[in-house]
Amino acid sequence: MLERLVESLEKCPIVKRGDYDYFIHPITDGVPRVEPALLRDVCTAMVKVLDLQDVKLFVVAEAMGIHIGTTLSLMTDIPFTIVRKRKYELPGEVAVHQTTGYSKGELYLNGVARGDRVVIVDDVVSTGGTMRALIQALEYTGADIVDICVAIRRGRADVGRPFKSLVDIEVVNSRVHIIGRSL
């Protein structure tokens, strides 16, 4: 089931951002193009590994969680909300400060209420900065985080609680190496 993802990761280009080796991949960057079969494989695998019982909402981060959240929502009929880079000033909006290996910024969480059973899905965890910030914001709202899954886990990133990944990778010598997979 994850053969397309593994093969595409092993062939993807690496670029330097300062001292950081950044891998460029359709699931994590939307370039060069997102093939439907690859996205379908990733989301089908996520449905298999996630606990979706009585889940009310998927929570995804802008920008690269959007295509995963959309596909999962269409597959499961579970709505999703996007943690956005723009402030809307809606009642209950929660600011989320994120720091990653290559950027910093504010995100804004809307549409989540106390007691909502939510699942966080995203494209990748590298440093864990964005995911830790999302978890903290959801805990602040009083939501019940039922499960967390990312398509790709880079290295041994820690987000402060257990989470699932479809594949685990390392970037060594300008190449992606698969070091584990869930299915």
N, C-alpha and C. Protein backbone atom coordinates (compact mmCIF):
# COMPACT_ATOMS: atom_id res chain seq x y z
N MET A 1 0.81 -1.20 0.00
CA MET A 1 0.00 0.00 0.00
C MET A 1 0.85 1.26 0.00
N LEU A 2 2.00 1.22 0.63
CA LEU A 2 2.85 2.42 0.72
C LEU A 2 3.98 2.41 -0.31
N GLU A 3 3.92 1.50 -1.29
CA GLU A 3 5.01 1.38 -2.25
C GLU A 3 5.23 2.68 -3.02
N ARG A 4 4.13 3.34 -3.47
CA ARG A 4 4.27 4.60 -4.21
C ARG A 4 4.95 5.66 -3.35
N LEU A 5 4.54 5.74 -2.10
CA LEU A 5 5.12 6.73 -1.20
C LEU A 5 6.61 6.46 -0.98
N VAL A 6 6.95 5.21 -0.70
CA VAL A 6 8.35 4.85 -0.47
C VAL A 6 9.18 5.14 -1.72
N GLU A 7 8.72 4.69 -2.87
CA GLU A 7 9.47 4.90 -4.12
C GLU A 7 9.65 6.38 -4.42
N SER A 8 8.60 7.17 -4.25
CA SER A 8 8.70 8.60 -4.55
C SER A 8 9.62 9.32 -3.57
N LEU A 9 9.64 8.90 -2.32
CA LEU A 9 10.55 9.50 -1.35
C LEU A 9 12.00 9.18 -1.67
N GLU A 10 12.25 7.94 -2.05
CA GLU A 10 13.63 7.54 -2.35
C GLU A 10 14.19 8.26 -3.57
N LYS A 11 13.33 8.81 -4.42
CA LYS A 11 13.76 9.51 -5.64
C LYS A 11 13.67 11.03 -5.52
N CYS A 12 13.16 11.56 -4.43
CA CYS A 12 12.89 13.00 -4.37
C CYS A 12 14.17 13.82 -4.21
N PRO A 13 14.16 15.05 -4.74
CA PRO A 13 15.34 15.91 -4.62
C PRO A 13 15.50 16.48 -3.21
N ILE A 14 16.74 16.83 -2.89
CA ILE A 14 17.09 17.45 -1.61
C ILE A 14 17.69 18.83 -1.93
N VAL A 15 17.27 19.86 -1.19
CA VAL A 15 17.86 21.19 -1.33
C VAL A 15 18.31 21.66 0.04
N LYS A 16 19.30 22.51 0.05
CA LYS A 16 19.81 23.08 1.31
C LYS A 16 19.03 24.34 1.64
N ARG A 17 18.59 24.46 2.89
CA ARG A 17 18.04 25.69 3.44
C ARG A 17 18.89 26.00 4.66
N GLY A 18 19.94 26.79 4.45
CA GLY A 18 20.92 26.98 5.50
C GLY A 18 21.66 25.68 5.71
N ASP A 19 21.65 25.19 6.95
CA ASP A 19 22.29 23.91 7.27
C ASP A 19 21.32 22.74 7.18
N TYR A 20 20.07 23.01 6.81
CA TYR A 20 19.01 22.00 6.83
C TYR A 20 18.88 21.37 5.44
N ASP A 21 18.94 20.04 5.38
CA ASP A 21 18.69 19.31 4.13
C ASP A 21 17.18 19.10 4.01
N TYR A 22 16.56 19.82 3.08
CA TYR A 22 15.11 19.83 2.92
C TYR A 22 14.75 18.92 1.74
N PHE A 23 13.90 17.93 1.98
CA PHE A 23 13.49 17.06 0.89
C PHE A 23 12.22 17.63 0.24
N ILE A 24 12.17 17.59 -1.07
CA ILE A 24 11.05 18.13 -1.85
C ILE A 24 10.21 16.95 -2.33
N HIS A 25 8.94 16.95 -1.92
CA HIS A 25 8.08 15.80 -2.23
C HIS A 25 6.64 16.28 -2.44
N PRO A 26 5.89 15.62 -3.32
CA PRO A 26 4.51 16.04 -3.57
C PRO A 26 3.62 16.09 -2.32
N ILE A 27 3.77 15.15 -1.41
CA ILE A 27 2.92 15.13 -0.21
C ILE A 27 3.31 16.26 0.74
N THR A 28 4.58 16.60 0.83
CA THR A 28 5.04 17.61 1.78
C THR A 28 5.16 19.01 1.19
N ASP A 29 5.19 19.11 -0.14
CA ASP A 29 5.39 20.41 -0.77
C ASP A 29 4.41 20.72 -1.90
N GLY A 30 3.72 19.71 -2.39
CA GLY A 30 2.79 19.92 -3.50
C GLY A 30 3.49 20.11 -4.84
N VAL A 31 4.79 19.82 -4.90
CA VAL A 31 5.54 19.91 -6.14
C VAL A 31 6.41 18.67 -6.30
N PRO A 32 6.73 18.22 -7.48
CA PRO A 32 6.36 18.90 -8.70
C PRO A 32 4.88 18.77 -9.03
N ARG A 33 4.23 17.69 -8.67
CA ARG A 33 2.77 17.57 -8.79
C ARG A 33 2.30 16.46 -7.86
N VAL A 34 1.09 16.59 -7.38
CA VAL A 34 0.50 15.59 -6.50
C VAL A 34 -0.33 14.64 -7.35
N GLU A 35 0.14 13.43 -7.47
CA GLU A 35 -0.59 12.42 -8.25
C GLU A 35 -1.74 11.85 -7.40
N PRO A 36 -2.94 11.73 -7.99
CA PRO A 36 -4.08 11.21 -7.23
C PRO A 36 -3.82 9.85 -6.59
N ALA A 37 -3.15 8.96 -7.28
CA ALA A 37 -2.91 7.61 -6.73
C ALA A 37 -2.04 7.68 -5.47
N LEU A 38 -1.04 8.55 -5.47
CA LEU A 38 -0.18 8.70 -4.30
C LEU A 38 -0.97 9.26 -3.12
N LEU A 39 -1.75 10.30 -3.36
CA LEU A 39 -2.56 10.89 -2.30
C LEU A 39 -3.59 9.89 -1.78
N ARG A 40 -4.20 9.14 -2.68
CA ARG A 40 -5.18 8.12 -2.28
C ARG A 40 -4.51 7.04 -1.43
N ASP A 41 -3.32 6.59 -1.83
CA ASP A 41 -2.59 5.59 -1.04
C ASP A 41 -2.28 6.09 0.37
N VAL A 42 -1.79 7.33 0.46
CA VAL A 42 -1.46 7.91 1.76
C VAL A 42 -2.71 7.97 2.64
N CYS A 43 -3.81 8.47 2.09
CA CYS A 43 -5.02 8.63 2.92
C CYS A 43 -5.68 7.29 3.24
N THR A 44 -5.64 6.34 2.33
CA THR A 44 -6.16 5.00 2.63
C THR A 44 -5.37 4.37 3.77
N ALA A 45 -4.06 4.53 3.75
CA ALA A 45 -3.22 4.01 4.83
C ALA A 45 -3.55 4.71 6.15
N MET A 46 -3.76 6.02 6.10
CA MET A 46 -4.11 6.75 7.33
C MET A 46 -5.43 6.24 7.91
N VAL A 47 -6.41 6.01 7.06
CA VAL A 47 -7.70 5.49 7.56
C VAL A 47 -7.48 4.14 8.23
N LYS A 48 -6.58 3.32 7.72
CA LYS A 48 -6.31 2.01 8.31
C LYS A 48 -5.64 2.10 9.68
N VAL A 49 -4.76 3.08 9.89
CA VAL A 49 -4.01 3.14 11.14
C VAL A 49 -4.64 4.05 12.20
N LEU A 50 -5.55 4.94 11.78
CA LEU A 50 -6.14 5.89 12.74
C LEU A 50 -7.31 5.29 13.51
N ASP A 51 -7.49 5.77 14.75
CA ASP A 51 -8.69 5.48 15.53
C ASP A 51 -9.70 6.58 15.19
N LEU A 52 -10.72 6.25 14.41
CA LEU A 52 -11.71 7.24 13.97
C LEU A 52 -13.06 7.08 14.66
N GLN A 53 -13.14 6.21 15.66
CA GLN A 53 -14.42 5.96 16.31
C GLN A 53 -14.89 7.23 17.02
N ASP A 54 -16.08 7.68 16.67
CA ASP A 54 -16.74 8.85 17.27
C ASP A 54 -15.93 10.14 17.10
N VAL A 55 -15.05 10.19 16.12
CA VAL A 55 -14.30 11.41 15.86
C VAL A 55 -15.21 12.42 15.19
N LYS A 56 -15.14 13.65 15.67
CA LYS A 56 -15.99 14.72 15.14
C LYS A 56 -15.29 15.55 14.08
N LEU A 57 -13.94 15.57 14.10
CA LEU A 57 -13.24 16.55 13.28
C LEU A 57 -11.79 16.14 13.04
N PHE A 58 -11.33 16.32 11.80
CA PHE A 58 -9.90 16.28 11.50
C PHE A 58 -9.36 17.69 11.68
N VAL A 59 -8.16 17.82 12.22
CA VAL A 59 -7.49 19.11 12.34
C VAL A 59 -6.22 19.01 11.50
N VAL A 60 -6.07 19.95 10.56
CA VAL A 60 -4.92 19.96 9.66
C VAL A 60 -4.29 21.34 9.68
N ALA A 61 -2.98 21.39 9.42
CA ALA A 61 -2.27 22.66 9.39
C ALA A 61 -2.09 23.13 7.95
N GLU A 62 -2.27 24.44 7.77
CA GLU A 62 -1.98 25.06 6.48
C GLU A 62 -0.48 24.99 6.26
N ALA A 63 0.01 24.72 5.13
CA ALA A 63 -0.71 24.53 3.90
C ALA A 63 -0.78 23.06 3.52
N MET A 64 0.26 22.29 3.84
CA MET A 64 0.35 20.96 3.26
C MET A 64 -0.51 19.90 3.93
N GLY A 65 -1.19 20.23 5.00
CA GLY A 65 -2.15 19.30 5.55
C GLY A 65 -3.49 19.37 4.85
N ILE A 66 -3.71 20.42 4.05
CA ILE A 66 -5.03 20.66 3.46
C ILE A 66 -5.43 19.55 2.50
N HIS A 67 -4.54 19.14 1.60
CA HIS A 67 -4.92 18.11 0.63
C HIS A 67 -5.16 16.76 1.32
N ILE A 68 -4.43 16.49 2.39
CA ILE A 68 -4.65 15.26 3.14
C ILE A 68 -6.00 15.34 3.87
N GLY A 69 -6.26 16.46 4.53
CA GLY A 69 -7.53 16.63 5.24
C GLY A 69 -8.73 16.56 4.32
N THR A 70 -8.62 17.18 3.15
CA THR A 70 -9.71 17.14 2.18
C THR A 70 -10.00 15.71 1.75
N THR A 71 -8.97 14.99 1.40
CA THR A 71 -9.14 13.61 0.94
C THR A 71 -9.70 12.73 2.04
N LEU A 72 -9.18 12.86 3.26
CA LEU A 72 -9.70 12.06 4.38
C LEU A 72 -11.16 12.40 4.66
N SER A 73 -11.50 13.67 4.61
CA SER A 73 -12.88 14.09 4.85
C SER A 73 -13.83 13.48 3.81
N LEU A 74 -13.41 13.51 2.56
CA LEU A 74 -14.24 12.92 1.50
C LEU A 74 -14.36 11.41 1.65
N MET A 75 -13.31 10.76 2.14
CA MET A 75 -13.32 9.30 2.31
C MET A 75 -14.16 8.85 3.50
N THR A 76 -14.22 9.68 4.55
CA THR A 76 -14.82 9.25 5.82
C THR A 76 -16.09 10.01 6.21
N ASP A 77 -16.39 11.09 5.51
CA ASP A 77 -17.50 12.00 5.86
C ASP A 77 -17.30 12.68 7.21
N ILE A 78 -16.05 12.77 7.66
CA ILE A 78 -15.71 13.52 8.87
C ILE A 78 -15.23 14.89 8.42
N PRO A 79 -15.83 15.98 8.93
CA PRO A 79 -15.38 17.32 8.53
C PRO A 79 -13.96 17.60 9.01
N PHE A 80 -13.37 18.67 8.47
CA PHE A 80 -12.04 19.07 8.92
C PHE A 80 -11.97 20.58 9.06
N THR A 81 -11.03 21.00 9.89
CA THR A 81 -10.74 22.43 10.03
C THR A 81 -9.26 22.63 9.76
N ILE A 82 -8.96 23.80 9.19
CA ILE A 82 -7.59 24.12 8.82
C ILE A 82 -7.04 25.13 9.82
N VAL A 83 -5.92 24.80 10.43
CA VAL A 83 -5.22 25.76 11.28
C VAL A 83 -4.49 26.68 10.31
N ARG A 84 -4.95 27.96 10.27
CA ARG A 84 -4.54 28.89 9.21
C ARG A 84 -3.39 29.79 9.61
N LYS A 85 -2.72 30.34 8.62
CA LYS A 85 -1.64 31.30 8.83
C LYS A 85 -2.18 32.72 8.98
N ARG A 86 -3.46 32.88 8.82
CA ARG A 86 -4.11 34.19 8.88
C ARG A 86 -5.04 34.27 10.08
N LYS A 87 -5.04 35.41 10.74
CA LYS A 87 -5.92 35.65 11.88
C LYS A 87 -7.30 36.08 11.36
N TYR A 88 -8.36 35.46 11.91
CA TYR A 88 -9.72 35.79 11.51
C TYR A 88 -10.48 36.54 12.60
N GLU A 89 -9.99 36.45 13.83
CA GLU A 89 -10.61 37.11 14.99
C GLU A 89 -12.04 36.63 15.24
N LEU A 90 -12.27 35.34 15.00
CA LEU A 90 -13.56 34.74 15.32
C LEU A 90 -13.60 34.42 16.81
N PRO A 91 -14.79 34.35 17.39
CA PRO A 91 -14.87 33.96 18.80
C PRO A 91 -14.24 32.59 19.02
N GLY A 92 -13.40 32.48 20.03
CA GLY A 92 -12.76 31.22 20.36
C GLY A 92 -11.49 30.93 19.57
N GLU A 93 -11.07 31.84 18.71
CA GLU A 93 -9.84 31.62 17.94
C GLU A 93 -8.64 31.51 18.88
N VAL A 94 -7.76 30.55 18.60
CA VAL A 94 -6.59 30.32 19.43
C VAL A 94 -5.34 30.52 18.57
N ALA A 95 -4.43 31.38 19.03
CA ALA A 95 -3.17 31.59 18.33
C ALA A 95 -2.23 30.44 18.65
N VAL A 96 -1.53 29.97 17.63
CA VAL A 96 -0.62 28.84 17.74
C VAL A 96 0.75 29.33 17.26
N HIS A 97 1.72 29.42 18.16
CA HIS A 97 3.07 29.83 17.74
C HIS A 97 3.86 28.59 17.37
N GLN A 98 4.36 28.56 16.14
CA GLN A 98 5.11 27.40 15.67
C GLN A 98 6.55 27.77 15.38
N THR A 99 7.45 26.87 15.72
CA THR A 99 8.86 27.01 15.38
C THR A 99 9.31 25.67 14.82
N THR A 100 9.82 25.70 13.59
CA THR A 100 10.30 24.47 12.96
C THR A 100 11.79 24.60 12.73
N GLY A 101 12.37 23.62 12.05
CA GLY A 101 13.79 23.66 11.76
C GLY A 101 14.17 24.73 10.76
N TYR A 102 13.17 25.29 10.06
CA TYR A 102 13.49 26.26 9.01
C TYR A 102 12.56 27.47 8.99
N SER A 103 11.63 27.59 9.96
CA SER A 103 10.74 28.76 9.96
C SER A 103 10.11 28.96 11.33
N LYS A 104 9.53 30.15 11.50
CA LYS A 104 8.74 30.50 12.68
C LYS A 104 7.50 31.23 12.20
N GLY A 105 6.44 31.19 12.99
CA GLY A 105 5.26 31.93 12.59
C GLY A 105 4.09 31.66 13.51
N GLU A 106 3.02 32.37 13.23
CA GLU A 106 1.78 32.18 13.97
C GLU A 106 0.77 31.45 13.09
N LEU A 107 0.04 30.55 13.69
CA LEU A 107 -1.09 29.89 13.07
C LEU A 107 -2.30 30.17 13.95
N TYR A 108 -3.50 29.99 13.39
CA TYR A 108 -4.72 30.30 14.14
C TYR A 108 -5.72 29.17 13.99
N LEU A 109 -6.17 28.68 15.15
CA LEU A 109 -7.10 27.56 15.23
C LEU A 109 -8.52 28.09 15.45
N ASN A 110 -9.44 27.65 14.62
CA ASN A 110 -10.86 27.99 14.75
C ASN A 110 -11.70 26.73 14.57
N GLY A 111 -12.93 26.77 15.07
CA GLY A 111 -13.88 25.70 14.79
C GLY A 111 -13.77 24.48 15.68
N VAL A 112 -13.03 24.58 16.77
CA VAL A 112 -12.88 23.44 17.68
C VAL A 112 -13.44 23.84 19.04
N ALA A 113 -14.29 22.99 19.59
CA ALA A 113 -14.94 23.29 20.87
C ALA A 113 -14.54 22.27 21.93
N ARG A 114 -14.70 22.68 23.19
CA ARG A 114 -14.44 21.80 24.32
C ARG A 114 -15.20 20.49 24.13
N GLY A 115 -14.50 19.37 24.32
CA GLY A 115 -15.11 18.05 24.22
C GLY A 115 -15.13 17.46 22.82
N ASP A 116 -14.79 18.25 21.79
CA ASP A 116 -14.74 17.70 20.44
C ASP A 116 -13.68 16.60 20.39
N ARG A 117 -14.07 15.46 19.81
CA ARG A 117 -13.12 14.37 19.58
C ARG A 117 -12.46 14.62 18.23
N VAL A 118 -11.15 14.91 18.26
CA VAL A 118 -10.45 15.30 17.05
C VAL A 118 -9.27 14.38 16.76
N VAL A 119 -8.90 14.34 15.49
CA VAL A 119 -7.71 13.65 15.02
C VAL A 119 -6.88 14.68 14.27
N ILE A 120 -5.60 14.75 14.60
CA ILE A 120 -4.68 15.63 13.89
C ILE A 120 -4.01 14.81 12.80
N VAL A 121 -4.01 15.34 11.57
CA VAL A 121 -3.29 14.72 10.48
C VAL A 121 -2.43 15.78 9.80
N ASP A 122 -1.27 15.37 9.35
CA ASP A 122 -0.39 16.31 8.67
C ASP A 122 0.51 15.55 7.72
N ASP A 123 1.25 16.31 6.93
CA ASP A 123 2.13 15.72 5.94
C ASP A 123 3.40 15.15 6.55
N VAL A 124 4.06 15.93 7.43
CA VAL A 124 5.37 15.52 7.93
C VAL A 124 5.61 16.08 9.33
N VAL A 125 6.34 15.34 10.11
CA VAL A 125 6.91 15.86 11.36
C VAL A 125 8.42 15.72 11.21
N SER A 126 9.11 16.87 11.33
CA SER A 126 10.58 16.86 11.27
C SER A 126 11.15 17.24 12.62
N THR A 127 10.94 18.47 13.03
CA THR A 127 11.42 18.92 14.33
C THR A 127 10.36 18.73 15.40
N GLY A 128 9.09 18.64 14.99
CA GLY A 128 7.97 18.49 15.92
C GLY A 128 7.40 19.82 16.39
N GLY A 129 7.98 20.93 15.96
CA GLY A 129 7.55 22.25 16.44
C GLY A 129 6.11 22.58 16.14
N THR A 130 5.68 22.38 14.91
CA THR A 130 4.30 22.68 14.54
C THR A 130 3.33 21.76 15.28
N MET A 131 3.64 20.47 15.33
CA MET A 131 2.74 19.50 15.97
C MET A 131 2.61 19.79 17.46
N ARG A 132 3.72 20.10 18.14
CA ARG A 132 3.64 20.43 19.57
C ARG A 132 2.75 21.65 19.78
N ALA A 133 2.87 22.65 18.92
CA ALA A 133 2.04 23.85 19.03
C ALA A 133 0.57 23.53 18.80
N LEU A 134 0.26 22.68 17.83
CA LEU A 134 -1.13 22.27 17.56
C LEU A 134 -1.72 21.51 18.75
N ILE A 135 -0.95 20.60 19.29
CA ILE A 135 -1.41 19.83 20.45
C ILE A 135 -1.72 20.76 21.61
N GLN A 136 -0.82 21.68 21.88
CA GLN A 136 -1.03 22.63 22.98
C GLN A 136 -2.28 23.47 22.76
N ALA A 137 -2.49 23.95 21.54
CA ALA A 137 -3.68 24.76 21.24
C ALA A 137 -4.96 23.94 21.40
N LEU A 138 -4.95 22.70 20.93
CA LEU A 138 -6.14 21.86 21.06
C LEU A 138 -6.41 21.52 22.52
N GLU A 139 -5.37 21.27 23.29
CA GLU A 139 -5.55 21.03 24.72
C GLU A 139 -6.14 22.26 25.40
N TYR A 140 -5.70 23.44 24.98
CA TYR A 140 -6.22 24.70 25.53
C TYR A 140 -7.72 24.84 25.27
N THR A 141 -8.18 24.40 24.10
CA THR A 141 -9.61 24.49 23.78
C THR A 141 -10.44 23.47 24.54
N GLY A 142 -9.79 22.45 25.09
CA GLY A 142 -10.52 21.39 25.78
C GLY A 142 -10.94 20.26 24.86
N ALA A 143 -10.41 20.25 23.64
CA ALA A 143 -10.71 19.16 22.71
C ALA A 143 -10.06 17.87 23.19
N ASP A 144 -10.64 16.75 22.81
CA ASP A 144 -10.10 15.42 23.11
C ASP A 144 -9.35 14.95 21.87
N ILE A 145 -8.02 14.93 21.93
CA ILE A 145 -7.21 14.46 20.81
C ILE A 145 -7.20 12.93 20.85
N VAL A 146 -7.93 12.34 19.93
CA VAL A 146 -8.10 10.90 19.88
C VAL A 146 -6.89 10.21 19.27
N ASP A 147 -6.32 10.83 18.23
CA ASP A 147 -5.22 10.20 17.51
C ASP A 147 -4.49 11.26 16.70
N ILE A 148 -3.27 10.95 16.31
CA ILE A 148 -2.43 11.82 15.51
C ILE A 148 -1.71 10.95 14.49
N CYS A 149 -1.69 11.40 13.22
CA CYS A 149 -0.96 10.66 12.20
C CYS A 149 -0.35 11.63 11.20
N VAL A 150 0.88 11.35 10.82
CA VAL A 150 1.55 12.08 9.74
C VAL A 150 1.94 11.08 8.67
N ALA A 151 2.01 11.56 7.45
CA ALA A 151 2.44 10.68 6.37
C ALA A 151 3.90 10.29 6.56
N ILE A 152 4.74 11.29 6.94
CA ILE A 152 6.19 11.08 7.00
C ILE A 152 6.73 11.61 8.32
N ARG A 153 7.52 10.80 8.99
CA ARG A 153 8.25 11.24 10.18
C ARG A 153 9.73 11.25 9.83
N ARG A 154 10.32 12.42 9.98
CA ARG A 154 11.75 12.55 9.67
C ARG A 154 12.55 12.42 10.95
N GLY A 155 13.43 11.45 11.00
CA GLY A 155 14.25 11.25 12.18
C GLY A 155 13.42 10.77 13.37
N ARG A 156 13.79 11.21 14.53
CA ARG A 156 13.14 10.77 15.77
C ARG A 156 12.40 11.92 16.45
N ALA A 157 11.77 12.78 15.67
CA ALA A 157 11.06 13.93 16.22
C ALA A 157 10.11 13.50 17.33
N ASP A 158 10.10 14.27 18.39
CA ASP A 158 9.24 14.03 19.55
C ASP A 158 8.23 15.17 19.63
N VAL A 159 6.95 14.84 19.76
CA VAL A 159 5.92 15.88 19.85
C VAL A 159 5.28 15.93 21.24
N GLY A 160 5.81 15.16 22.18
CA GLY A 160 5.31 15.20 23.54
C GLY A 160 4.21 14.20 23.83
N ARG A 161 3.81 13.43 22.85
CA ARG A 161 2.82 12.36 23.04
C ARG A 161 2.92 11.41 21.87
N PRO A 162 2.39 10.21 22.01
CA PRO A 162 2.49 9.24 20.92
C PRO A 162 1.78 9.72 19.65
N PHE A 163 2.34 9.38 18.52
CA PHE A 163 1.68 9.65 17.25
C PHE A 163 2.10 8.58 16.25
N LYS A 164 1.33 8.49 15.19
CA LYS A 164 1.59 7.48 14.16
C LYS A 164 2.18 8.15 12.93
N SER A 165 2.99 7.39 12.22
CA SER A 165 3.52 7.84 10.93
C SER A 165 3.41 6.68 9.96
N LEU A 166 3.20 7.02 8.69
CA LEU A 166 3.14 5.96 7.69
C LEU A 166 4.53 5.46 7.35
N VAL A 167 5.48 6.39 7.19
CA VAL A 167 6.87 6.02 6.96
C VAL A 167 7.77 6.91 7.81
N ASP A 168 8.87 6.35 8.24
CA ASP A 168 9.91 7.09 8.96
C ASP A 168 11.11 7.18 8.03
N ILE A 169 11.69 8.39 7.97
CA ILE A 169 12.82 8.60 7.06
C ILE A 169 13.97 9.31 7.76
N GLU A 170 15.13 9.22 7.13
CA GLU A 170 16.29 10.05 7.45
C GLU A 170 16.82 10.58 6.14
N VAL A 171 17.38 11.77 6.17
CA VAL A 171 18.04 12.33 5.00
C VAL A 171 19.54 12.29 5.27
N VAL A 172 20.24 11.45 4.49
CA VAL A 172 21.68 11.24 4.66
C VAL A 172 22.32 11.27 3.28
N ASN A 173 23.44 12.01 3.17
CA ASN A 173 24.18 12.08 1.90
C ASN A 173 23.28 12.49 0.74
N SER A 174 22.43 13.50 1.00
CA SER A 174 21.54 14.05 -0.04
C SER A 174 20.57 13.03 -0.61
N ARG A 175 20.15 12.09 0.24
CA ARG A 175 19.14 11.09 -0.16
C ARG A 175 18.21 10.80 0.99
N VAL A 176 16.97 10.49 0.65
CA VAL A 176 16.00 10.03 1.63
C VAL A 176 16.17 8.54 1.81
N HIS A 177 16.26 8.10 3.06
CA HIS A 177 16.35 6.68 3.39
C HIS A 177 15.15 6.32 4.27
N ILE A 178 14.45 5.28 3.90
CA ILE A 178 13.31 4.78 4.67
C ILE A 178 13.87 3.95 5.81
N ILE A 179 13.49 4.32 7.06
CA ILE A 179 14.00 3.57 8.21
C ILE A 179 12.87 2.83 8.94
N GLY A 180 11.63 3.01 8.49
CA GLY A 180 10.51 2.30 9.08
C GLY A 180 9.23 2.62 8.35
N ARG A 181 8.24 1.74 8.51
CA ARG A 181 6.93 1.98 7.90
C ARG A 181 5.86 1.27 8.71
N SER A 182 4.65 1.82 8.66
CA SER A 182 3.57 1.29 9.49
C SER A 182 2.84 0.13 8.86
N LEU A 183 2.76 0.08 7.55
CA LEU A 183 2.03 -0.99 6.84
C LEU A 183 2.92 -1.68 5.84
